[in-house]
Amino acid sequence: MLKCPKCGGAIDVDAEDVEEGDPIGCDECGADLRVAGVNPLEVESTEDLEEEEEDDDDLLDDDEDEEEEEEDEDWK
């Protein structure tokens, strides 16, 4: 039996019925989750994934800004 990464509640999921990447939900707190692995069975919060993607996008945007500044300085 799995535990929700948000509330710690029990999630009843059979590993044979899901594949990696499948969305599932927590019945106790309503969190949107995703199957992160099937052997062993693991889930992760999609909210955490979205935050990580936003952080990655911010880092990429910062890198692009720095490159543009360097190009501007080189042009002068």
C-alpha atoms as a PDB file:
ATOM      1  CA  MET A   1       0.000   0.000   0.000  1.00  0.00           C
ATOM      2  CA  LEU A   2       1.298   3.429  -0.959  1.00  0.00           C
ATOM      3  CA  LYS A   3       1.262   6.618   1.072  1.00  0.00           C
ATOM      4  CA  CYS A   4       0.320   9.967  -0.402  1.00  0.00           C
ATOM      5  CA  PRO A   5       3.373  12.257  -0.551  1.00  0.00           C
ATOM      6  CA  LYS A   6       1.156  15.215   0.419  1.00  0.00           C
ATOM      7  CA  CYS A   7      -0.937  13.962   3.333  1.00  0.00           C
ATOM      8  CA  GLY A   8       0.478  10.519   4.139  1.00  0.00           C
ATOM      9  CA  GLY A   9      -2.892   8.894   3.538  1.00  0.00           C
ATOM     10  CA  ALA A  10      -3.136   5.368   2.189  1.00  0.00           C
ATOM     11  CA  ILE A  11      -3.544   4.937  -1.565  1.00  0.00           C
ATOM     12  CA  ASP A  12      -4.879   1.587  -2.705  1.00  0.00           C
ATOM     13  CA  VAL A  13      -3.286   0.892  -6.099  1.00  0.00           C
ATOM     14  CA  ASP A  14      -2.315  -2.421  -7.637  1.00  0.00           C
ATOM     15  CA  ALA A  15       1.068  -2.195  -9.398  1.00  0.00           C
ATOM     16  CA  GLU A  16      -0.227  -4.487 -12.133  1.00  0.00           C
ATOM     17  CA  ASP A  17      -3.009  -2.012 -13.002  1.00  0.00           C
ATOM     18  CA  VAL A  18      -0.833   1.066 -13.571  1.00  0.00           C
ATOM     19  CA  GLU A  19       2.104   2.125 -15.709  1.00  0.00           C
ATOM     20  CA  GLU A  20       4.748   4.746 -15.096  1.00  0.00           C
ATOM     21  CA  GLY A  21       3.340   8.190 -15.812  1.00  0.00           C
ATOM     22  CA  ASP A  22      -0.296   7.270 -15.121  1.00  0.00           C
ATOM     23  CA  PRO A  23      -2.241   9.899 -13.180  1.00  0.00           C
ATOM     24  CA  ILE A  24      -3.906   8.888  -9.927  1.00  0.00           C
ATOM     25  CA  GLY A  25      -5.461  10.807  -7.076  1.00  0.00           C
ATOM     26  CA  CYS A  26      -5.433  10.660  -3.315  1.00  0.00           C
ATOM     27  CA  ASP A  27      -8.879   9.875  -1.909  1.00  0.00           C
ATOM     28  CA  GLU A  28      -8.049  11.565   1.396  1.00  0.00           C
ATOM     29  CA  CYS A  29      -6.671  14.961   0.341  1.00  0.00           C
ATOM     30  CA  GLY A  30      -7.528  15.047  -3.357  1.00  0.00           C
ATOM     31  CA  ALA A  31      -3.918  15.569  -4.459  1.00  0.00           C
ATOM     32  CA  ASP A  32      -3.136  14.954  -8.109  1.00  0.00           C
ATOM     33  CA  LEU A  33      -0.416  12.333  -8.290  1.00  0.00           C
ATOM     34  CA  ARG A  34       1.533  10.506 -10.972  1.00  0.00           C
ATOM     35  CA  VAL A  35       3.013   7.025 -10.944  1.00  0.00           C
ATOM     36  CA  ALA A  36       6.767   7.634 -10.761  1.00  0.00           C
ATOM     37  CA  GLY A  37       7.780   3.990 -10.880  1.00  0.00           C
ATOM     38  CA  VAL A  38       6.218   0.555 -10.841  1.00  0.00           C
ATOM     39  CA  ASN A  39       9.014  -1.573  -9.420  1.00  0.00           C
ATOM     40  CA  PRO A  40       8.847  -0.589  -6.625  1.00  0.00           C
ATOM     41  CA  LEU A  41       5.540   1.243  -6.933  1.00  0.00           C
ATOM     42  CA  GLU A  42       6.081   4.954  -6.276  1.00  0.00           C
ATOM     43  CA  VAL A  43       3.970   8.065  -6.750  1.00  0.00           C
ATOM     44  CA  GLU A  44       4.837  11.754  -6.836  1.00  0.00           C
ATOM     45  CA  SER A  45       2.797  14.909  -6.642  1.00  0.00           C
ATOM     46  CA  THR A  46       2.120  16.600  -9.965  1.00  0.00           C
ATOM     47  CA  GLU A  47       2.225  19.931  -8.100  1.00  0.00           C
ATOM     48  CA  ASP A  48       5.834  19.243  -7.118  1.00  0.00           C
ATOM     49  CA  LEU A  49       6.639  18.341 -10.730  1.00  0.00           C
ATOM     50  CA  GLU A  50       5.089  21.577 -11.990  1.00  0.00           C
ATOM     51  CA  GLU A  51       7.128  23.579  -9.459  1.00  0.00           C
ATOM     52  CA  GLU A  52      10.321  21.821 -10.562  1.00  0.00           C
ATOM     53  CA  GLU A  53       9.510  22.538 -14.222  1.00  0.00           C
ATOM     54  CA  GLU A  54       8.885  26.199 -13.402  1.00  0.00           C
ATOM     55  CA  ASP A  55      12.191  26.361 -11.536  1.00  0.00           C
ATOM     56  CA  ASP A  56      13.947  24.742 -14.499  1.00  0.00           C
ATOM     57  CA  ASP A  57      12.287  27.213 -16.879  1.00  0.00           C
ATOM     58  CA  ASP A  58      13.388  30.110 -14.669  1.00  0.00           C
ATOM     59  CA  LEU A  59      16.959  28.825 -14.711  1.00  0.00           C
ATOM     60  CA  LEU A  60      16.872  28.517 -18.494  1.00  0.00           C
ATOM     61  CA  ASP A  61      15.453  32.041 -18.816  1.00  0.00           C
ATOM     62  CA  ASP A  62      18.234  33.387 -16.572  1.00  0.00           C
ATOM     63  CA  ASP A  63      20.875  31.628 -18.689  1.00  0.00           C
ATOM     64  CA  GLU A  64      19.390  33.075 -21.879  1.00  0.00           C
ATOM     65  CA  ASP A  65      19.348  36.575 -20.364  1.00  0.00           C
ATOM     66  CA  GLU A  66      23.021  36.258 -19.391  1.00  0.00           C
ATOM     67  CA  GLU A  67      23.929  35.083 -22.899  1.00  0.00           C
ATOM     68  CA  GLU A  68      22.098  38.046 -24.451  1.00  0.00           C
ATOM     69  CA  GLU A  69      23.903  40.464 -22.135  1.00  0.00           C
ATOM     70  CA  GLU A  70      27.256  38.933 -23.070  1.00  0.00           C
ATOM     71  CA  GLU A  71      26.417  39.200 -26.772  1.00  0.00           C
ATOM     72  CA  ASP A  72      25.442  42.863 -26.301  1.00  0.00           C
ATOM     73  CA  GLU A  73      28.716  43.565 -24.534  1.00  0.00           C
ATOM     74  CA  ASP A  74      30.679  41.784 -27.265  1.00  0.00           C
ATOM     75  CA  TRP A  75      28.919  43.803 -29.948  1.00  0.00           C
ATOM     76  CA  LYS A  76      29.900  47.130 -28.348  1.00  0.00           C
END
